[in-house]
Amino acid sequence: MSLFVWETKVYGSYLKKLKITAQKNIVLKPAELIVNDTDHKVFNEDTNRLIQKIKGDILYLDPPYNQRQYATNYHLLETIAKYDNPKIHGKTGLRNYDNQKSAYCSRTKVKSAFKNLITNAKVKYIFLSYNNEGLMTAGDIKEIMSLRGKYGYFTKAYGRFKADKNRDYGADRTTEYLHYVICD
């Protein structure tokens, strides 16, 4: 089995000085694909709408954890993927992302959107990657995922990512959860 891994970095703004890691040569390697007679589909639409149209065995979710919209942090990848020439604005050259704002980045909308997604998923197993500093608590997630069947989770502690030295971080470590439910 082949696995394609893309190491994601945040592209939210320009730096005054290039970091050492940004000065390394970029090495692009083709994905190792398994070519067979199985039908494959790729979708590009809102997850909560898509989930009502599809079914499968496993649903793996890795949504935003906080209020920062993905569209602002990954706008360069969006431009590469769309291969377009968007009108950009602001100091960092952002695309217009008004139609891409996620309910998963809103403290008032996230639980409702997540419950809608989980209850409408036509799958046997659901996995969710989420950390302890997210907009939803572990209790929120357990409550919602338990609606579908047998719930459990695994955890792993990591050194905390620190975006800058000027910010006060409450903890040196964060806990990543892999929540799961075996659907009834």
C-alpha atoms as a PDB file:
ATOM      1  CA  MET A   1       0.000   0.000   0.000  1.00  0.00           C
ATOM      2  CA  SER A   2       1.315   3.433  -0.913  1.00  0.00           C
ATOM      3  CA  LEU A   3       0.842   6.521   1.179  1.00  0.00           C
ATOM      4  CA  PHE A   4       1.288  10.084  -0.022  1.00  0.00           C
ATOM      5  CA  VAL A   5       2.316  12.466   2.724  1.00  0.00           C
ATOM      6  CA  TRP A   6       2.317  16.225   2.292  1.00  0.00           C
ATOM      7  CA  GLU A   7       3.992  18.143   5.060  1.00  0.00           C
ATOM      8  CA  THR A   8       1.815  21.174   5.571  1.00  0.00           C
ATOM      9  CA  LYS A   9       3.149  24.550   6.545  1.00  0.00           C
ATOM     10  CA  VAL A  10       1.231  27.729   7.188  1.00  0.00           C
ATOM     11  CA  TYR A  11       1.430  30.366   4.464  1.00  0.00           C
ATOM     12  CA  GLY A  12      -0.455  33.069   6.321  1.00  0.00           C
ATOM     13  CA  SER A  13       1.995  35.923   5.869  1.00  0.00           C
ATOM     14  CA  TYR A  14       5.327  37.020   4.504  1.00  0.00           C
ATOM     15  CA  LEU A  15       8.380  37.092   6.743  1.00  0.00           C
ATOM     16  CA  LYS A  16      10.788  39.996   7.059  1.00  0.00           C
ATOM     17  CA  LYS A  17      13.667  37.507   6.875  1.00  0.00           C
ATOM     18  CA  LEU A  18      13.651  34.070   5.272  1.00  0.00           C
ATOM     19  CA  LYS A  19      13.945  31.235   7.757  1.00  0.00           C
ATOM     20  CA  ILE A  20      16.765  28.742   7.180  1.00  0.00           C
ATOM     21  CA  THR A  21      14.207  26.021   6.388  1.00  0.00           C
ATOM     22  CA  ALA A  22      12.694  28.218   3.668  1.00  0.00           C
ATOM     23  CA  GLN A  23      16.060  28.463   1.929  1.00  0.00           C
ATOM     24  CA  LYS A  24      16.374  24.720   1.300  1.00  0.00           C
ATOM     25  CA  ASN A  25      15.836  23.337  -2.166  1.00  0.00           C
ATOM     26  CA  ILE A  26      12.327  22.092  -2.848  1.00  0.00           C
ATOM     27  CA  VAL A  27      12.191  18.454  -3.876  1.00  0.00           C
ATOM     28  CA  LEU A  28       8.982  17.405  -5.593  1.00  0.00           C
ATOM     29  CA  LYS A  29       8.357  13.680  -5.801  1.00  0.00           C
ATOM     30  CA  PRO A  30       5.446  12.111  -7.642  1.00  0.00           C
ATOM     31  CA  ALA A  31       2.897  10.273  -5.564  1.00  0.00           C
ATOM     32  CA  GLU A  32       3.117   6.508  -5.817  1.00  0.00           C
ATOM     33  CA  LEU A  33      -0.317   5.540  -7.046  1.00  0.00           C
ATOM     34  CA  ILE A  34      -1.840   2.104  -7.207  1.00  0.00           C
ATOM     35  CA  VAL A  35      -3.335   1.723 -10.642  1.00  0.00           C
ATOM     36  CA  ASN A  36      -6.202  -0.736 -10.718  1.00  0.00           C
ATOM     37  CA  ASP A  37      -9.764  -1.129 -11.921  1.00  0.00           C
ATOM     38  CA  THR A  38     -11.273   0.414  -8.776  1.00  0.00           C
ATOM     39  CA  ASP A  39     -13.271   3.571  -9.370  1.00  0.00           C
ATOM     40  CA  HIS A  40     -11.876   6.603  -7.502  1.00  0.00           C
ATOM     41  CA  LYS A  41     -13.495   9.972  -6.957  1.00  0.00           C
ATOM     42  CA  VAL A  42     -12.196  13.304  -5.719  1.00  0.00           C
ATOM     43  CA  PHE A  43     -14.535  15.962  -4.344  1.00  0.00           C
ATOM     44  CA  ASN A  44     -14.100  19.673  -3.757  1.00  0.00           C
ATOM     45  CA  GLU A  45     -17.104  20.910  -1.803  1.00  0.00           C
ATOM     46  CA  ASP A  46     -18.388  21.634   1.672  1.00  0.00           C
ATOM     47  CA  THR A  47     -17.996  18.501   3.806  1.00  0.00           C
ATOM     48  CA  ASN A  48     -21.381  18.843   5.492  1.00  0.00           C
ATOM     49  CA  ARG A  49     -23.126  18.937   2.099  1.00  0.00           C
ATOM     50  CA  LEU A  50     -20.974  16.201   0.598  1.00  0.00           C
ATOM     51  CA  ILE A  51     -21.565  13.772   3.486  1.00  0.00           C
ATOM     52  CA  GLN A  52     -25.259  13.608   2.575  1.00  0.00           C
ATOM     53  CA  LYS A  53     -24.416  12.357  -0.951  1.00  0.00           C
ATOM     54  CA  ILE A  54     -21.747   9.724  -0.304  1.00  0.00           C
ATOM     55  CA  LYS A  55     -21.230   6.539   1.708  1.00  0.00           C
ATOM     56  CA  GLY A  56     -18.230   4.417   2.561  1.00  0.00           C
ATOM     57  CA  ASP A  57     -16.484   2.334   5.173  1.00  0.00           C
ATOM     58  CA  ILE A  58     -14.188   4.826   6.915  1.00  0.00           C
ATOM     59  CA  LEU A  59     -14.503   8.561   7.460  1.00  0.00           C
ATOM     60  CA  TYR A  60     -11.305  10.292   8.636  1.00  0.00           C
ATOM     61  CA  LEU A  61     -11.699  13.919   9.752  1.00  0.00           C
ATOM     62  CA  ASP A  62      -9.017  16.499  10.500  1.00  0.00           C
ATOM     63  CA  PRO A  63     -10.917  19.808  10.734  1.00  0.00           C
ATOM     64  CA  PRO A  64      -9.592  23.169  11.931  1.00  0.00           C
ATOM     65  CA  TYR A  65      -9.239  23.285  15.733  1.00  0.00           C
ATOM     66  CA  ASN A  66      -9.388  27.013  16.249  1.00  0.00           C
ATOM     67  CA  GLN A  67     -10.749  30.288  14.854  1.00  0.00           C
ATOM     68  CA  ARG A  68      -8.053  30.723  12.191  1.00  0.00           C
ATOM     69  CA  GLN A  69      -9.568  30.011   8.784  1.00  0.00           C
ATOM     70  CA  TYR A  70      -7.650  27.529   6.624  1.00  0.00           C
ATOM     71  CA  ALA A  71      -8.291  29.681   3.548  1.00  0.00           C
ATOM     72  CA  THR A  72      -6.034  32.446   4.891  1.00  0.00           C
ATOM     73  CA  ASN A  73      -3.243  30.112   5.973  1.00  0.00           C
ATOM     74  CA  TYR A  74      -3.151  27.964   2.835  1.00  0.00           C
ATOM     75  CA  HIS A  75      -4.028  30.535   0.170  1.00  0.00           C
ATOM     76  CA  LEU A  76      -0.872  29.839  -1.843  1.00  0.00           C
ATOM     77  CA  LEU A  77      -1.758  26.160  -2.126  1.00  0.00           C
ATOM     78  CA  GLU A  78      -5.283  27.159  -3.146  1.00  0.00           C
ATOM     79  CA  THR A  79      -3.886  29.292  -5.954  1.00  0.00           C
ATOM     80  CA  ILE A  80      -1.608  26.465  -7.107  1.00  0.00           C
ATOM     81  CA  ALA A  81      -4.478  23.952  -7.028  1.00  0.00           C
ATOM     82  CA  LYS A  82      -6.883  26.218  -8.906  1.00  0.00           C
ATOM     83  CA  TYR A  83      -4.135  27.436 -11.268  1.00  0.00           C
ATOM     84  CA  ASP A  84      -5.845  30.780 -11.497  1.00  0.00           C
ATOM     85  CA  ASN A  85      -4.863  34.407 -11.194  1.00  0.00           C
ATOM     86  CA  PRO A  86      -6.954  35.710  -8.293  1.00  0.00           C
ATOM     87  CA  LYS A  87      -7.327  39.327  -7.324  1.00  0.00           C
ATOM     88  CA  ILE A  88      -5.350  39.588  -4.098  1.00  0.00           C
ATOM     89  CA  HIS A  89      -5.528  42.102  -1.277  1.00  0.00           C
ATOM     90  CA  GLY A  90      -3.803  43.081   1.927  1.00  0.00           C
ATOM     91  CA  LYS A  91      -0.175  43.050   3.023  1.00  0.00           C
ATOM     92  CA  THR A  92       0.074  39.269   2.657  1.00  0.00           C
ATOM     93  CA  GLY A  93      -1.625  39.019  -0.729  1.00  0.00           C
ATOM     94  CA  LEU A  94      -4.678  36.997   0.279  1.00  0.00           C
ATOM     95  CA  ARG A  95      -7.345  35.709  -2.101  1.00  0.00           C
ATOM     96  CA  ASN A  96     -10.962  36.566  -1.342  1.00  0.00           C
ATOM     97  CA  TYR A  97     -12.163  33.737   0.897  1.00  0.00           C
ATOM     98  CA  ASP A  98     -15.615  34.991   1.929  1.00  0.00           C
ATOM     99  CA  ASN A  99     -17.284  31.919   0.412  1.00  0.00           C
ATOM    100  CA  GLN A 100     -14.825  29.551   2.133  1.00  0.00           C
ATOM    101  CA  LYS A 101     -15.316  30.449   5.784  1.00  0.00           C
ATOM    102  CA  SER A 102     -15.712  27.301   7.831  1.00  0.00           C
ATOM    103  CA  ALA A 103     -18.231  26.713  10.611  1.00  0.00           C
ATOM    104  CA  TYR A 104     -15.491  24.579  12.213  1.00  0.00           C
ATOM    105  CA  CYS A 105     -13.610  27.832  12.954  1.00  0.00           C
ATOM    106  CA  SER A 106     -16.524  29.388  14.809  1.00  0.00           C
ATOM    107  CA  ARG A 107     -17.052  28.832  18.533  1.00  0.00           C
ATOM    108  CA  THR A 108     -20.821  29.347  18.086  1.00  0.00           C
ATOM    109  CA  LYS A 109     -21.208  27.074  15.020  1.00  0.00           C
ATOM    110  CA  VAL A 110     -18.681  24.261  15.405  1.00  0.00           C
ATOM    111  CA  LYS A 111     -20.689  21.863  17.605  1.00  0.00           C
ATOM    112  CA  SER A 112     -23.788  22.093  15.429  1.00  0.00           C
ATOM    113  CA  ALA A 113     -21.780  21.579  12.224  1.00  0.00           C
ATOM    114  CA  PHE A 114     -19.906  18.637  13.737  1.00  0.00           C
ATOM    115  CA  LYS A 115     -23.098  16.987  15.001  1.00  0.00           C
ATOM    116  CA  ASN A 116     -24.654  17.408  11.556  1.00  0.00           C
ATOM    117  CA  LEU A 117     -21.618  15.801   9.924  1.00  0.00           C
ATOM    118  CA  ILE A 118     -21.422  12.856  12.326  1.00  0.00           C
ATOM    119  CA  THR A 119     -25.143  12.061  12.307  1.00  0.00           C
ATOM    120  CA  ASN A 120     -25.344  12.194   8.494  1.00  0.00           C
ATOM    121  CA  ALA A 121     -22.249  10.089   7.777  1.00  0.00           C
ATOM    122  CA  LYS A 122     -23.152   6.793   6.089  1.00  0.00           C
ATOM    123  CA  VAL A 123     -20.036   4.896   7.190  1.00  0.00           C
ATOM    124  CA  LYS A 124     -18.966   2.040   9.473  1.00  0.00           C
ATOM    125  CA  TYR A 125     -16.118   3.824  11.260  1.00  0.00           C
ATOM    126  CA  ILE A 126     -15.386   7.483  11.997  1.00  0.00           C
ATOM    127  CA  PHE A 127     -11.995   8.827  13.102  1.00  0.00           C
ATOM    128  CA  LEU A 128     -11.350  12.406  14.196  1.00  0.00           C
ATOM    129  CA  SER A 129      -7.966  14.013  14.800  1.00  0.00           C
ATOM    130  CA  TYR A 130      -8.351  16.962  17.196  1.00  0.00           C
ATOM    131  CA  ASN A 131      -6.267  18.499  19.968  1.00  0.00           C
ATOM    132  CA  ASN A 132      -7.011  19.557  23.531  1.00  0.00           C
ATOM    133  CA  GLU A 133      -6.913  23.271  22.652  1.00  0.00           C
ATOM    134  CA  GLY A 134      -9.676  23.146  20.057  1.00  0.00           C
ATOM    135  CA  LEU A 135     -12.997  24.958  19.998  1.00  0.00           C
ATOM    136  CA  MET A 136     -14.734  21.700  20.961  1.00  0.00           C
ATOM    137  CA  THR A 137     -13.831  19.945  24.187  1.00  0.00           C
ATOM    138  CA  ALA A 138     -13.122  16.219  24.415  1.00  0.00           C
ATOM    139  CA  GLY A 139     -16.481  15.989  26.222  1.00  0.00           C
ATOM    140  CA  ASP A 140     -18.286  17.712  23.326  1.00  0.00           C
ATOM    141  CA  ILE A 141     -16.716  15.301  20.858  1.00  0.00           C
ATOM    142  CA  LYS A 142     -17.506  12.221  22.955  1.00  0.00           C
ATOM    143  CA  GLU A 143     -21.134  13.323  23.369  1.00  0.00           C
ATOM    144  CA  ILE A 144     -21.622  13.832  19.628  1.00  0.00           C
ATOM    145  CA  MET A 145     -19.699  10.816  18.357  1.00  0.00           C
ATOM    146  CA  SER A 146     -21.368   8.518  20.907  1.00  0.00           C
ATOM    147  CA  LEU A 147     -24.663   9.205  19.152  1.00  0.00           C
ATOM    148  CA  ARG A 148     -23.437   6.850  16.417  1.00  0.00           C
ATOM    149  CA  GLY A 149     -22.137   3.883  18.428  1.00  0.00           C
ATOM    150  CA  LYS A 150     -19.178   2.645  20.467  1.00  0.00           C
ATOM    151  CA  TYR A 151     -16.862   5.601  21.153  1.00  0.00           C
ATOM    152  CA  GLY A 152     -13.200   5.604  22.188  1.00  0.00           C
ATOM    153  CA  TYR A 153     -10.003   7.597  21.791  1.00  0.00           C
ATOM    154  CA  PHE A 154      -6.205   7.492  21.843  1.00  0.00           C
ATOM    155  CA  THR A 155      -3.930  10.356  22.888  1.00  0.00           C
ATOM    156  CA  LYS A 156      -0.388  11.481  22.261  1.00  0.00           C
ATOM    157  CA  ALA A 157       1.362  14.471  23.847  1.00  0.00           C
ATOM    158  CA  TYR A 158       3.485  16.791  21.715  1.00  0.00           C
ATOM    159  CA  GLY A 159       5.747  19.757  22.345  1.00  0.00           C
ATOM    160  CA  ARG A 160       3.675  22.871  21.796  1.00  0.00           C
ATOM    161  CA  PHE A 161       4.088  24.708  18.499  1.00  0.00           C
ATOM    162  CA  LYS A 162       5.045  28.290  19.232  1.00  0.00           C
ATOM    163  CA  ALA A 163       4.375  30.663  16.369  1.00  0.00           C
ATOM    164  CA  ASP A 164       6.453  33.457  17.832  1.00  0.00           C
ATOM    165  CA  LYS A 165       8.495  34.385  20.896  1.00  0.00           C
ATOM    166  CA  ASN A 166       6.381  37.399  21.854  1.00  0.00           C
ATOM    167  CA  ARG A 167       3.205  35.444  22.594  1.00  0.00           C
ATOM    168  CA  ASP A 168       2.479  34.023  26.052  1.00  0.00           C
ATOM    169  CA  TYR A 169       1.655  30.314  25.818  1.00  0.00           C
ATOM    170  CA  GLY A 170      -0.095  28.671  28.746  1.00  0.00           C
ATOM    171  CA  ALA A 171       1.441  25.241  28.226  1.00  0.00           C
ATOM    172  CA  ASP A 172       4.602  23.715  26.788  1.00  0.00           C
ATOM    173  CA  ARG A 173       2.742  20.629  25.573  1.00  0.00           C
ATOM    174  CA  THR A 174      -0.471  19.855  23.750  1.00  0.00           C
ATOM    175  CA  THR A 175      -2.401  16.602  23.489  1.00  0.00           C
ATOM    176  CA  GLU A 176      -3.516  15.240  20.147  1.00  0.00           C
ATOM    177  CA  TYR A 177      -6.576  12.997  20.267  1.00  0.00           C
ATOM    178  CA  LEU A 178      -7.610  10.354  17.787  1.00  0.00           C
ATOM    179  CA  HIS A 179     -11.299   9.950  18.549  1.00  0.00           C
ATOM    180  CA  TYR A 180     -13.162   7.058  16.975  1.00  0.00           C
ATOM    181  CA  VAL A 181     -16.599   5.543  16.822  1.00  0.00           C
ATOM    182  CA  ILE A 182     -17.685   2.137  15.566  1.00  0.00           C
ATOM    183  CA  CYS A 183     -21.052   2.991  14.084  1.00  0.00           C
ATOM    184  CA  ASP A 184     -24.155   0.938  14.920  1.00  0.00           C
END
